[in-house]
């Protein structure tokens, strides 16, 4: 099944591709002739899964998107106080290449403008055989999760035409912000901006920042959380230069753009977004990059105000229904069908919040199910908060499953999500307990893969699975002692507190058994034709522990307490054979119950 997230990205890619505003950077001659139609989107989760569409493997130079990562390395090398003495953290309100230096001090306003970024480069230490630039390249590679290289052609173009940046470096040296010869510093800065990346690299770099500085694929802790906290804070207020205020209002994610056409945005704890499209606006940011980030943030509810909780997988457990059978005693034919086809019905237990990150992990789990899974049961009883985007994606999941002839069902104890889901789309089967949902799934599979006899509407007592060990003569003798009874839908057959009322054989129809609970009644099981109830209290004076009610018209044959006494007196051998048969049948049901209990304990 294709993920709704993938489908969504393909849809907006096709729409935003039509934007023709802006043009590639001309400030660096080597960038001026890039294909303006290049356009890629990557969305990377904090566990390293990447959704991508378009030109995501086309390489381009990172340019100013390098600034946060070099700034983070400077923080790691020098410490926050030392870096703060050289670079402020205030929004400048100016373009990226403006001369925004503190009056009297020469301190750049922030590390995202060129003056601050050149200063950050100067603060990175050399270490043994690793030069300053080698360490800068290494940290970018560690964030991307692969070895990156430098585009020498772009570097030479920047080197030959970077007069303004050279002037900034000399001005910084005059204030002693750069304490040594500025030429090697600005050369390393040019190389830093000329590092080749693709859209997937940027998304992984963003996801690593979202993941507290740890690359979600390699597991490398590239920066400590304190450094990441500072980097993302400055990106929020300064990353988009003189467009920063509008960006925070409309997108609400820490971000950085580059004149190479890249845009990177981070939602801490949840996701990293990267876009590549060379045509730029008047602020030096990608036109399609801005439009894409605004659209994704709005549609996926990624603004930091909405998505405030840390994202984590909401998947608590996944299993097929053979691990958690219902409480129904099936015929041998039906049991064989379920044993062969039970893997076609999957139960997925969710917990936590269904915000974007949680919804993404849920959708990915469903999308990655085996092709032969036909029924998907989502257990939502442990879900705390549900966003609008999760409801929309659930609707799309349901539609995709339906189009393939499959079905979605919900376990929703409070019913809130099911009701909202119904308002958005057509109704889905919804259950209060897992056992009732599994029962539904079992019946669906038996109906699809079993012969008609697997779900018979009428089962004579002689064909009851519970009496299988008895021979024909014994069953005939037993039938002579049975009393026929009929009930209408909703009739109570046995009520909590009543004395033992005999062994009940269901000839046709269905019954449910329930027990009292603090907030109403809890359904234990549904029994159909060919099944029995009442025998668990056989031979005791215990009171009835459950209430048994007719689901529709029900026909029973009942071996009453008086008939049992007669059987024991007149046919003791048959009585013993009957007790053995009923004990065997009861054990089968207890075994089913124990298997489900074991799953609950393990989970």
Protein backbone atom coordinates (compact mmCIF):
# COMPACT_ATOMS: atom_id res chain seq x y z
CA UNK A 1 0.00 0.00 0.00
CA UNK A 2 1.39 3.41 -0.93
CA UNK A 3 1.75 5.69 2.05
CA UNK A 4 -0.66 8.67 2.19
CA UNK A 5 2.39 10.78 3.10
CA UNK A 6 4.15 9.75 -0.10
CA UNK A 7 0.97 10.44 -2.09
CA UNK A 8 0.63 13.84 -0.45
CA UNK A 9 4.23 14.83 -1.28
CA UNK A 10 3.75 13.76 -4.89
CA UNK A 11 0.59 15.86 -5.08
CA UNK A 12 2.11 19.08 -3.75
CA UNK A 13 5.27 18.52 -5.80
CA UNK A 14 3.16 18.46 -8.97
CA UNK A 15 1.32 21.62 -7.90
CA UNK A 16 4.30 23.69 -6.70
CA UNK A 17 6.38 22.62 -9.70
CA UNK A 18 4.22 25.06 -11.69
CA UNK A 19 5.64 28.08 -9.82
CA UNK A 20 7.89 30.03 -12.20
CA UNK A 21 8.88 32.96 -10.01
CA UNK A 22 12.49 33.78 -9.14
CA UNK A 23 15.74 32.87 -10.83
CA UNK A 24 18.97 31.05 -9.85
CA UNK A 25 21.67 33.01 -8.05
CA UNK A 26 23.84 35.22 -10.19
CA UNK A 27 26.08 36.42 -7.35
CA UNK A 28 28.22 33.31 -7.85
CA UNK A 29 28.76 32.80 -11.61
CA UNK A 30 29.06 29.02 -11.30
CA UNK A 31 25.48 28.83 -9.94
CA UNK A 32 23.82 30.96 -12.60
CA UNK A 33 23.35 28.25 -15.24
CA UNK A 34 21.79 25.49 -13.11
CA UNK A 35 18.52 23.98 -14.40
CA UNK A 36 15.67 26.06 -12.88
CA UNK A 37 13.26 23.13 -13.23
CA UNK A 38 15.16 21.01 -10.69
CA UNK A 39 12.83 20.39 -7.75
CA UNK A 40 12.98 17.77 -5.02
CA UNK A 41 11.34 17.24 -1.63
CA UNK A 42 12.54 14.95 1.16
CA UNK A 43 10.89 14.37 4.52
CA UNK A 44 13.01 12.42 7.03
CA UNK A 45 11.72 11.10 10.35
CA UNK A 46 13.72 10.96 13.57
CA UNK A 47 14.08 7.20 13.13
CA UNK A 48 15.68 7.70 9.72
CA UNK A 49 12.89 6.91 7.27
CA UNK A 50 12.91 9.22 4.23
CA UNK A 51 10.00 10.09 1.96
CA UNK A 52 11.17 11.65 -1.29
CA UNK A 53 9.82 12.93 -4.58
CA UNK A 54 11.40 14.69 -7.55
CA UNK A 55 15.06 15.58 -8.04
CA UNK A 56 16.22 14.40 -4.62
CA UNK A 57 19.54 12.92 -5.79
CA UNK A 58 20.63 15.93 -7.85
CA UNK A 59 23.74 17.41 -6.23
CA UNK A 60 24.10 21.10 -5.50
CA UNK A 61 26.27 23.18 -3.17
CA UNK A 62 25.10 23.67 0.37
CA UNK A 63 26.00 27.39 0.57
CA UNK A 64 24.53 29.15 3.64
CA UNK A 65 22.84 25.97 4.93
CA UNK A 66 26.35 25.09 6.13
CA UNK A 67 26.23 27.92 8.68
CA UNK A 68 24.26 26.19 11.49
CA UNK A 69 26.50 23.12 11.38
CA UNK A 70 29.78 25.05 11.45
CA UNK A 71 28.34 27.22 14.24
CA UNK A 72 27.53 24.05 16.19
CA UNK A 73 31.09 22.81 15.74
CA UNK A 74 32.46 26.15 16.98
CA UNK A 75 30.23 25.86 20.07
CA UNK A 76 31.54 22.34 20.68
CA UNK A 77 35.16 23.50 20.26
CA UNK A 78 35.12 26.76 22.21
CA UNK A 79 32.13 26.60 24.52
CA UNK A 80 29.09 28.85 24.49
CA UNK A 81 30.54 31.78 26.43
CA UNK A 82 33.63 32.07 24.25
CA UNK A 83 31.57 31.95 21.05
CA UNK A 84 29.07 34.47 22.42
CA UNK A 85 31.89 36.93 22.99
CA UNK A 86 32.57 36.83 19.26
CA UNK A 87 29.07 36.33 17.78
CA UNK A 88 25.76 37.68 19.07
CA UNK A 89 22.43 35.81 18.70
CA UNK A 90 20.12 38.71 17.79
CA UNK A 91 18.12 38.91 14.54
CA UNK A 92 19.68 41.54 12.30
CA UNK A 93 16.67 42.26 10.12
CA UNK A 94 19.16 42.63 7.27
CA UNK A 95 20.01 40.60 4.21
CA UNK A 96 22.50 37.74 4.59
CA UNK A 97 25.46 39.71 3.24
CA UNK A 98 24.86 42.97 5.08
CA UNK A 99 27.53 44.46 7.35
CA UNK A 100 25.70 43.90 10.65
CA UNK A 101 28.36 44.46 13.28
CA UNK A 102 27.88 45.71 16.82
CA UNK A 103 28.72 49.36 17.25
CA UNK A 104 32.08 49.70 18.94
CA UNK A 105 32.61 45.95 19.30
CA UNK A 106 32.43 44.73 15.72
CA UNK A 107 30.56 41.63 16.92
CA UNK A 108 28.30 40.17 14.18
CA UNK A 109 24.59 40.13 15.00
CA UNK A 110 24.22 36.34 14.62
CA UNK A 111 25.96 33.33 13.05
CA UNK A 112 23.48 33.03 10.17
CA UNK A 113 24.55 36.20 8.36
CA UNK A 114 27.83 36.03 6.44
CA UNK A 115 29.84 38.08 8.94
CA UNK A 116 28.79 35.79 11.80
CA UNK A 117 29.31 32.64 9.72
CA UNK A 118 32.86 33.67 8.75
CA UNK A 119 33.55 34.30 12.44
CA UNK A 120 32.16 30.86 13.33
CA UNK A 121 34.49 29.30 10.76
CA UNK A 122 37.45 31.09 12.36
CA UNK A 123 36.54 29.58 15.77
CA UNK A 124 36.73 25.97 14.59
CA UNK A 125 39.95 24.35 15.78
CA UNK A 126 42.39 22.24 13.84
CA UNK A 127 43.04 18.90 15.48
CA UNK A 128 46.19 16.91 14.73
CA UNK A 129 46.13 15.81 11.08
CA UNK A 130 42.64 17.27 10.65
CA UNK A 131 42.74 20.85 9.46
CA UNK A 132 40.01 23.31 10.30
CA UNK A 133 38.23 22.71 7.01
CA UNK A 134 38.63 18.93 7.25
CA UNK A 135 36.81 19.03 10.59
CA UNK A 136 34.11 21.26 9.09
CA UNK A 137 33.65 18.80 6.22
CA UNK A 138 33.60 15.88 8.65
CA UNK A 139 30.79 17.30 10.76
CA UNK A 140 28.68 17.97 7.68
CA UNK A 141 29.34 14.40 6.54
CA UNK A 142 28.41 13.03 9.96
CA UNK A 143 25.11 14.89 9.91
CA UNK A 144 24.39 13.66 6.37
CA UNK A 145 25.45 10.10 7.15
CA UNK A 146 27.85 9.83 4.20
CA UNK A 147 31.16 11.31 3.04
CA UNK A 148 30.57 14.64 1.33
CA UNK A 149 32.88 16.35 -1.18
CA UNK A 150 33.62 19.89 -2.36
CA UNK A 151 32.59 21.22 -5.75
CA UNK A 152 35.92 22.70 -6.84
CA UNK A 153 34.38 24.62 -9.72
CA UNK A 154 31.98 26.46 -7.39
CA UNK A 155 34.76 26.99 -4.85
CA UNK A 156 36.98 28.65 -7.43
CA UNK A 157 34.08 30.81 -8.59
CA UNK A 158 33.43 31.95 -5.02
CA UNK A 159 37.14 32.46 -4.41
CA UNK A 160 37.49 34.61 -7.51
CA UNK A 161 34.37 36.71 -6.94
CA UNK A 162 33.91 36.79 -3.16
CA UNK A 163 35.10 40.35 -2.66
CA UNK A 164 32.37 41.32 -0.21
CA UNK A 165 33.06 38.33 2.02
CA UNK A 166 36.77 39.11 1.94
CA UNK A 167 35.98 42.68 2.95
CA UNK A 168 33.85 41.39 5.83
CA UNK A 169 36.68 39.14 7.01
CA UNK A 170 39.13 42.07 7.05
CA UNK A 171 36.62 44.24 8.88
CA UNK A 172 36.20 41.50 11.47
CA UNK A 173 39.98 41.28 11.80
CA UNK A 174 40.14 45.04 12.43
CA UNK A 175 37.88 44.54 15.49
CA UNK A 176 39.91 41.49 16.56
CA UNK A 177 36.79 39.30 16.13
CA UNK A 178 38.98 37.24 13.82
CA UNK A 179 42.27 37.14 15.68
CA UNK A 180 44.62 35.95 12.91
CA UNK A 181 45.14 36.33 9.19
CA UNK A 182 41.61 36.41 7.70
CA UNK A 183 42.57 35.02 4.27
CA UNK A 184 42.76 31.32 5.30
CA UNK A 185 39.50 31.78 7.22
CA UNK A 186 37.54 33.18 4.31
CA UNK A 187 39.02 30.51 2.01
CA UNK A 188 37.75 27.81 4.37
CA UNK A 189 34.39 29.58 4.42
CA UNK A 190 34.25 29.49 0.61
CA UNK A 191 35.05 25.75 0.70
CA UNK A 192 32.44 25.18 3.40
CA UNK A 193 29.77 26.79 1.19
CA UNK A 194 30.92 24.68 -1.78
CA UNK A 195 30.23 21.30 -0.15
CA UNK A 196 28.11 19.11 -2.43
CA UNK A 197 24.85 17.74 -1.03
CA UNK A 198 21.59 16.45 -2.39
CA UNK A 199 18.08 16.84 -1.03
CA UNK A 200 18.22 13.52 0.79
CA UNK A 201 21.45 14.58 2.52
CA UNK A 202 19.80 17.79 3.72
CA UNK A 203 16.77 15.94 5.04
CA UNK A 204 19.01 13.59 7.04
CA UNK A 205 20.97 16.56 8.38
CA UNK A 206 17.67 18.14 9.43
CA UNK A 207 16.45 14.88 10.97
CA UNK A 208 19.71 14.61 12.93
CA UNK A 209 19.09 18.07 14.40
CA UNK A 210 15.50 17.06 15.13
CA UNK A 211 16.87 13.96 16.86
CA UNK A 212 18.93 15.95 19.37
CA UNK A 213 22.14 15.87 17.32
CA UNK A 214 22.16 12.10 16.73
CA UNK A 215 22.11 10.81 13.17
CA UNK A 216 19.10 8.46 13.13
CA UNK A 217 20.69 6.06 10.62
CA UNK A 218 24.32 5.83 11.77
CA UNK A 219 23.55 6.44 15.45
CA UNK A 220 26.48 8.91 15.72
CA UNK A 221 25.99 11.66 18.31
CA UNK A 222 27.36 14.50 16.18
CA UNK A 223 26.58 17.37 18.55
CA UNK A 224 25.42 17.45 22.17
CA UNK A 225 21.88 18.52 22.91
CA UNK A 226 22.99 21.83 24.46
CA UNK A 227 24.71 22.79 21.22
CA UNK A 228 21.74 21.65 19.15
CA UNK A 229 19.45 23.70 21.38
CA UNK A 230 21.45 26.85 20.65
CA UNK A 231 21.73 26.10 16.91
CA UNK A 232 17.99 25.55 16.50
CA UNK A 233 17.17 28.62 18.57
CA UNK A 234 19.29 30.84 16.34
CA UNK A 235 17.88 29.18 13.22
CA UNK A 236 14.38 30.02 14.44
CA UNK A 237 15.03 33.73 14.88
CA UNK A 238 17.75 34.36 12.30
CA UNK A 239 17.90 31.49 9.81
CA UNK A 240 15.75 33.15 7.16
CA UNK A 241 17.44 36.58 7.48
CA UNK A 242 15.13 39.55 6.83
CA UNK A 243 12.23 37.15 6.20
CA UNK A 244 12.57 35.46 9.60
CA UNK A 245 9.42 36.96 11.15
CA UNK A 246 7.15 35.90 8.31
CA UNK A 247 8.78 32.46 8.33
CA UNK A 248 8.12 31.85 12.03
CA UNK A 249 4.53 33.00 11.62
CA UNK A 250 3.76 30.98 8.49
CA UNK A 251 5.96 27.89 8.90
CA UNK A 252 7.01 27.78 12.54
CA UNK A 253 10.10 25.57 12.22
CA UNK A 254 13.80 26.39 12.67
CA UNK A 255 15.13 26.69 9.13
CA UNK A 256 18.00 27.71 6.87
CA UNK A 257 18.13 28.48 3.17
CA UNK A 258 21.03 28.69 0.73
CA UNK A 259 21.56 30.42 -2.59
CA UNK A 260 22.32 27.02 -4.11
CA UNK A 261 18.57 26.37 -3.98
CA UNK A 262 18.38 24.29 -0.84
CA UNK A 263 16.01 24.82 2.09
CA UNK A 264 16.21 22.93 5.36
CA UNK A 265 13.58 22.97 8.16
CA UNK A 266 13.54 21.14 11.49
CA UNK A 267 10.71 20.17 13.81
CA UNK A 268 12.55 19.06 16.98
CA UNK A 269 11.73 15.57 18.06
CA UNK A 270 9.71 14.77 14.97
CA UNK A 271 10.92 15.42 11.44
CA UNK A 272 13.39 17.11 9.09
CA UNK A 273 12.25 18.65 5.82
CA UNK A 274 14.48 19.51 2.85
CA UNK A 275 13.65 21.08 -0.49
CA UNK A 276 15.84 21.71 -3.53
CA UNK A 277 14.82 24.21 -6.21
CA UNK A 278 17.30 26.79 -7.59
CA UNK A 279 15.08 29.83 -8.45
CA UNK A 280 15.40 32.34 -5.59
CA UNK A 281 13.26 35.19 -4.24
CA UNK A 282 14.48 38.66 -3.25
CA UNK A 283 15.68 37.33 0.13
CA UNK A 284 17.95 34.75 -1.50
CA UNK A 285 15.68 31.81 -0.60
CA UNK A 286 14.20 29.20 -2.92
CA UNK A 287 10.74 30.20 -4.16
CA UNK A 288 9.52 26.62 -4.33
CA UNK A 289 11.35 25.83 -1.10
CA UNK A 290 9.41 28.52 0.78
CA UNK A 291 6.11 27.47 -0.80
CA UNK A 292 6.73 23.80 -0.02
CA UNK A 293 7.62 24.43 3.62
CA UNK A 294 4.57 26.64 4.11
CA UNK A 295 2.30 24.04 2.56
CA UNK A 296 3.72 21.06 4.43
CA UNK A 297 3.71 22.91 7.74
CA UNK A 298 0.09 23.91 7.30
CA UNK A 299 -1.24 20.60 5.97
CA UNK A 300 0.77 18.36 8.31
CA UNK A 301 0.38 20.64 11.34
CA UNK A 302 4.14 20.99 11.82
CA UNK A 303 4.20 24.49 13.30
CA UNK A 304 6.04 24.23 16.63
CA UNK A 305 2.97 25.55 18.49
CA UNK A 306 0.84 22.64 17.28
CA UNK A 307 3.50 19.92 17.42
CA UNK A 308 4.98 20.64 20.82
CA UNK A 309 5.45 17.08 22.10
CA UNK A 310 8.43 14.95 21.24
CA UNK A 311 7.68 12.58 18.41
CA UNK A 312 8.16 8.86 18.84
CA UNK A 313 6.73 5.79 17.28
CA UNK A 314 3.16 5.18 18.45
CA UNK A 315 3.40 1.48 17.60
CA UNK A 316 3.08 -0.50 20.81
CA UNK A 317 2.68 -3.93 19.26
CA UNK A 318 1.68 -5.67 16.06
CA UNK A 319 0.48 -9.24 15.61
CA UNK A 320 -1.97 -11.33 13.65
CA UNK A 321 -5.19 -12.62 15.16
CA UNK A 322 -3.87 -16.15 15.60
CA UNK A 323 -1.89 -14.78 18.57
CA UNK A 324 -5.03 -13.40 20.23
CA UNK A 325 -7.98 -15.64 19.29
CA UNK A 326 -11.46 -14.57 20.27
CA UNK A 327 -13.40 -16.31 23.01
CA UNK A 328 -15.56 -18.14 20.47
CA UNK A 329 -15.47 -21.94 20.34
CA UNK A 330 -15.15 -22.58 16.61
CA UNK A 331 -16.00 -25.73 14.71
CA UNK A 332 -13.03 -27.79 13.59
CA UNK A 333 -13.54 -26.60 10.01
CA UNK A 334 -13.63 -22.93 11.05
CA UNK A 335 -10.61 -23.38 13.32
CA UNK A 336 -8.66 -24.86 10.39
CA UNK A 337 -9.56 -21.87 8.20
CA UNK A 338 -8.32 -19.46 10.89
CA UNK A 339 -5.11 -21.39 11.43
CA UNK A 340 -4.34 -21.14 7.71
CA UNK A 341 -5.54 -17.59 7.08
CA UNK A 342 -5.32 -15.81 10.45
CA UNK A 343 -2.16 -13.99 9.31
CA UNK A 344 -4.35 -12.01 6.90
CA UNK A 345 -5.78 -9.99 9.80
CA UNK A 346 -3.32 -7.72 11.64
CA UNK A 347 -3.88 -5.97 14.96
CA UNK A 348 -1.77 -2.82 15.50
CA UNK A 349 -1.75 -1.39 19.03
CA UNK A 350 -1.07 2.35 19.29
CA UNK A 351 -0.19 4.55 22.23
CA UNK A 352 0.80 8.14 22.91
CA UNK A 353 -0.07 11.05 20.61
CA UNK A 354 -1.23 10.89 17.02
CA UNK A 355 0.42 14.13 15.97
CA UNK A 356 2.43 14.18 12.76
CA UNK A 357 5.35 11.99 13.90
CA UNK A 358 3.08 9.44 15.57
CA UNK A 359 0.72 9.37 12.62
CA UNK A 360 3.65 8.91 10.24
CA UNK A 361 4.90 5.86 12.14
CA UNK A 362 1.36 4.42 12.15
CA UNK A 363 0.89 4.99 8.42
CA UNK A 364 4.32 3.52 7.66
CA UNK A 365 3.52 0.43 9.73
CA UNK A 366 0.29 -0.12 7.80
CA UNK A 367 1.96 0.59 4.45
CA UNK A 368 4.66 -2.01 5.19
CA UNK A 369 2.23 -4.81 6.03
CA UNK A 370 2.50 -7.92 3.85
CA UNK A 371 0.49 -7.82 0.64
CA UNK A 372 -1.77 -10.65 1.81
CA UNK A 373 -2.99 -8.73 4.90
CA UNK A 374 -6.64 -7.93 4.20
CA UNK A 375 -7.96 -6.73 7.56
CA UNK A 376 -6.23 -4.07 9.67
CA UNK A 377 -7.45 -3.52 13.23
CA UNK A 378 -6.11 -0.36 14.91
CA UNK A 379 -6.26 -0.51 18.71
CA UNK A 380 -6.61 3.15 19.74
CA UNK A 381 -7.48 2.70 23.41
CA UNK A 382 -4.11 4.00 24.63
CA UNK A 383 -3.97 7.02 22.29
CA UNK A 384 -3.91 10.31 24.19
CA UNK A 385 -4.22 13.09 21.63
CA UNK A 386 -5.32 13.03 18.01
CA UNK A 387 -4.65 15.78 15.47
CA UNK A 388 -6.63 16.67 12.37
CA UNK A 389 -3.81 15.44 10.15
CA UNK A 390 -4.05 11.97 11.73
CA UNK A 391 -7.76 11.84 10.94
CA UNK A 392 -7.13 12.84 7.34
CA UNK A 393 -4.42 10.22 6.97
CA UNK A 394 -6.61 7.56 8.57
CA UNK A 395 -9.30 8.44 6.06
CA UNK A 396 -6.81 8.00 3.22
CA UNK A 397 -5.57 4.71 4.69
CA UNK A 398 -9.14 3.44 4.89
CA UNK A 399 -9.81 4.47 1.29
CA UNK A 400 -6.61 2.84 0.02
CA UNK A 401 -7.40 -0.39 1.84
CA UNK A 402 -10.96 -0.30 0.54
CA UNK A 403 -9.80 0.24 -3.05
CA UNK A 404 -7.71 -2.93 -2.71
CA UNK A 405 -10.66 -4.92 -1.35
CA UNK A 406 -9.36 -4.75 2.21
CA UNK A 407 -10.82 -3.22 5.36
CA UNK A 408 -9.90 -1.06 8.34
CA UNK A 409 -11.45 -1.51 11.79
CA UNK A 410 -10.96 0.38 15.05
CA UNK A 411 -10.83 -0.53 18.71
CA UNK A 412 -11.80 2.70 20.43
CA UNK A 413 -12.92 2.32 24.02
CA UNK A 414 -14.25 5.88 24.39
CA UNK A 415 -15.54 6.10 20.84
CA UNK A 416 -14.31 9.67 20.37
CA UNK A 417 -11.98 9.00 17.46
CA UNK A 418 -14.45 6.67 15.79
CA UNK A 419 -17.14 9.37 15.93
CA UNK A 420 -14.81 12.04 14.51
CA UNK A 421 -13.59 9.62 11.89
CA UNK A 422 -17.19 8.91 10.90
CA UNK A 423 -17.79 12.63 10.47
CA UNK A 424 -14.87 12.85 8.06
CA UNK A 425 -15.59 9.71 6.11
CA UNK A 426 -17.93 6.78 5.99
CA UNK A 427 -18.23 4.56 9.03
CA UNK A 428 -15.67 1.87 9.83
CA UNK A 429 -16.31 -1.13 12.07
CA UNK A 430 -15.58 0.03 15.62
CA UNK A 431 -15.34 -2.10 18.75
CA UNK A 432 -14.91 -1.47 22.45
CA UNK A 433 -12.72 -4.50 23.22
CA UNK A 434 -10.03 -6.40 21.37
CA UNK A 435 -11.86 -9.71 21.70
CA UNK A 436 -14.92 -8.38 19.86
CA UNK A 437 -12.72 -6.89 17.14
CA UNK A 438 -10.86 -10.18 16.73
CA UNK A 439 -14.17 -12.01 16.61
CA UNK A 440 -15.24 -9.74 13.73
CA UNK A 441 -11.96 -10.38 11.92
CA UNK A 442 -12.27 -14.14 12.42
CA UNK A 443 -15.79 -14.12 10.99
CA UNK A 444 -14.63 -12.05 8.01
CA UNK A 445 -11.85 -14.53 7.22
CA UNK A 446 -14.07 -17.55 7.69
CA UNK A 447 -16.60 -15.97 5.37
CA UNK A 448 -13.91 -15.28 2.74
CA UNK A 449 -11.95 -18.53 2.91
CA UNK A 450 -14.22 -21.12 4.53
CA UNK A 451 -16.83 -23.30 2.95
CA UNK A 452 -20.42 -22.54 3.88
CA UNK A 453 -20.34 -25.29 6.47
CA UNK A 454 -17.66 -23.35 8.36
CA UNK A 455 -20.30 -20.90 9.53
CA UNK A 456 -23.46 -23.02 9.64
CA UNK A 457 -26.71 -21.34 10.58
CA UNK A 458 -28.12 -24.53 12.17
CA UNK A 459 -26.14 -27.17 14.04
CA UNK A 460 -28.07 -30.12 15.47
CA UNK A 461 -26.93 -31.28 18.89
CA UNK A 462 -25.60 -34.45 17.29
CA UNK A 463 -23.12 -32.33 15.31
CA UNK A 464 -21.98 -30.18 18.25
CA UNK A 465 -18.13 -30.12 18.46
CA UNK A 466 -18.38 -30.57 22.22
CA UNK A 467 -19.98 -34.01 21.76
CA UNK A 468 -17.50 -35.21 19.14
CA UNK A 469 -16.07 -37.99 21.45
CA UNK A 470 -19.52 -39.59 21.89
CA UNK A 471 -20.87 -42.26 19.53
CA UNK A 472 -24.24 -42.11 17.79
CA UNK A 473 -26.12 -44.23 20.32
CA UNK A 474 -24.89 -42.13 23.25
CA UNK A 475 -25.88 -38.88 21.54
CA UNK A 476 -29.32 -40.29 20.73
CA UNK A 477 -29.79 -41.24 24.37
CA UNK A 478 -28.60 -37.78 25.47
CA UNK A 479 -30.99 -36.00 23.06
CA UNK A 480 -33.94 -37.73 24.67
CA UNK A 481 -33.17 -35.79 27.87
CA UNK A 482 -32.84 -32.33 26.23
CA UNK A 483 -35.43 -29.59 26.46
CA UNK A 484 -36.02 -27.27 23.47
CA UNK A 485 -36.13 -23.53 24.17
CA UNK A 486 -36.43 -20.44 21.96
CA UNK A 487 -35.55 -16.79 22.61
CA UNK A 488 -36.03 -13.53 20.75
CA UNK A 489 -33.40 -10.84 20.15
CA UNK A 490 -32.43 -9.14 23.40
CA UNK A 491 -33.89 -11.80 25.68
CA UNK A 492 -31.80 -12.63 28.73
CA UNK A 493 -31.16 -16.36 28.81
CA UNK A 494 -29.11 -16.51 31.99
CA UNK A 495 -28.49 -13.66 34.42
CA UNK A 496 -25.67 -12.95 36.90
CA UNK A 497 -26.49 -14.42 40.30
CA UNK A 498 -28.73 -17.28 39.13
CA UNK A 499 -28.00 -20.86 40.14
CA UNK A 500 -26.61 -23.38 37.69
CA UNK A 501 -29.20 -23.77 34.93
CA UNK A 502 -27.87 -26.65 32.90
CA UNK A 503 -25.77 -27.18 29.80
CA UNK A 504 -27.03 -25.17 26.81
CA UNK A 505 -26.44 -26.35 23.22
CA UNK A 506 -26.96 -23.63 20.61
CA UNK A 507 -28.86 -25.03 17.63
CA UNK A 508 -29.19 -21.73 15.77
CA UNK A 509 -28.56 -18.04 16.37
CA UNK A 510 -25.99 -16.26 18.53
CA UNK A 511 -25.64 -15.28 22.16
CA UNK A 512 -23.28 -12.93 24.00
CA UNK A 513 -21.90 -13.25 27.50
CA UNK A 514 -21.08 -10.16 29.57
CA UNK A 515 -19.89 -9.37 33.08
CA UNK A 516 -20.54 -6.31 35.24
CA UNK A 517 -17.88 -3.55 35.20
CA UNK A 518 -17.52 -0.16 36.96
CA UNK A 519 -18.55 1.64 33.78
CA UNK A 520 -21.26 -0.65 32.41
CA UNK A 521 -20.79 -4.17 31.11
CA UNK A 522 -17.84 -5.85 29.39
CA UNK A 523 -18.47 -8.33 26.61
CA UNK A 524 -16.59 -11.59 27.10
CA UNK A 525 -17.55 -13.66 24.08
CA UNK A 526 -20.03 -14.40 21.34
CA UNK A 527 -21.21 -17.96 20.80
CA UNK A 528 -22.93 -19.32 17.71
CA UNK A 529 -24.58 -22.44 16.38
CA UNK A 530 -22.83 -25.63 17.44
CA UNK A 531 -21.39 -24.12 20.63
CA UNK A 532 -22.29 -24.60 24.29
CA UNK A 533 -22.46 -22.56 27.48
CA UNK A 534 -23.25 -23.16 31.13
CA UNK A 535 -21.08 -26.21 31.55
CA UNK A 536 -18.26 -24.41 33.38
CA UNK A 537 -20.44 -24.35 36.50
CA UNK A 538 -21.42 -27.97 36.11
CA UNK A 539 -21.60 -29.92 39.35
CA UNK A 540 -21.24 -26.87 41.63
CA UNK A 541 -23.59 -24.69 43.59
CA UNK A 542 -21.91 -21.54 42.34
CA UNK A 543 -24.08 -18.72 41.10
CA UNK A 544 -24.06 -17.56 37.49
CA UNK A 545 -21.05 -15.23 36.91
CA UNK A 546 -22.13 -13.88 33.53
CA UNK A 547 -25.25 -12.64 31.79
CA UNK A 548 -26.07 -14.45 28.55
CA UNK A 549 -28.29 -12.63 26.08
CA UNK A 550 -29.73 -13.54 22.68
CA UNK A 551 -28.25 -11.48 19.83
CA UNK A 552 -31.12 -12.43 17.49
CA UNK A 553 -33.61 -15.30 17.42
CA UNK A 554 -31.99 -18.22 19.21
CA UNK A 555 -32.91 -21.91 19.44
CA UNK A 556 -31.37 -23.99 22.23
CA UNK A 557 -31.43 -27.54 23.52
CA UNK A 558 -30.85 -27.59 27.31
CA UNK A 559 -29.68 -30.41 29.54
CA UNK A 560 -31.22 -29.16 32.80
CA UNK A 561 -30.03 -29.90 36.33
CA UNK A 562 -32.88 -32.40 36.77
CA UNK A 563 -31.98 -34.15 33.51
CA UNK A 564 -28.36 -34.37 34.62
CA UNK A 565 -29.42 -36.10 37.84
CA UNK A 566 -31.53 -38.54 35.81
CA UNK A 567 -28.59 -39.20 33.47
CA UNK A 568 -26.24 -39.94 36.36
CA UNK A 569 -28.78 -42.27 37.97
CA UNK A 570 -29.92 -44.21 34.91
CA UNK A 571 -26.90 -43.99 32.58
CA UNK A 572 -23.75 -43.55 34.70
CA UNK A 573 -21.39 -44.62 31.89
CA UNK A 574 -22.87 -42.05 29.51
CA UNK A 575 -22.71 -39.41 32.26
CA UNK A 576 -18.96 -39.98 32.68
CA UNK A 577 -18.43 -39.89 28.90
CA UNK A 578 -20.39 -36.61 28.70
CA UNK A 579 -18.36 -35.03 31.53
CA UNK A 580 -15.15 -35.96 29.74
CA UNK A 581 -16.38 -34.49 26.44
CA UNK A 582 -17.53 -31.26 28.06
CA UNK A 583 -14.30 -30.96 30.04
CA UNK A 584 -12.31 -31.32 26.81
CA UNK A 585 -14.38 -28.62 25.16
CA UNK A 586 -14.11 -26.31 28.18
CA UNK A 587 -10.35 -26.79 28.26
CA UNK A 588 -10.14 -25.66 24.63
CA UNK A 589 -11.87 -22.41 25.52
CA UNK A 590 -9.74 -21.86 28.62
CA UNK A 591 -6.64 -22.43 26.49
CA UNK A 592 -7.82 -19.73 24.08
CA UNK A 593 -8.33 -17.35 27.00
CA UNK A 594 -4.87 -18.10 28.41
CA UNK A 595 -3.25 -17.43 25.04
CA UNK A 596 -4.82 -13.97 24.85
CA UNK A 597 -3.89 -13.27 28.48
CA UNK A 598 -0.29 -14.23 27.73
CA UNK A 599 -0.19 -11.73 24.86
CA UNK A 600 -1.48 -8.97 27.14
CA UNK A 601 1.20 -9.76 29.73
CA UNK A 602 4.01 -9.83 27.14
CA UNK A 603 2.84 -6.59 25.58
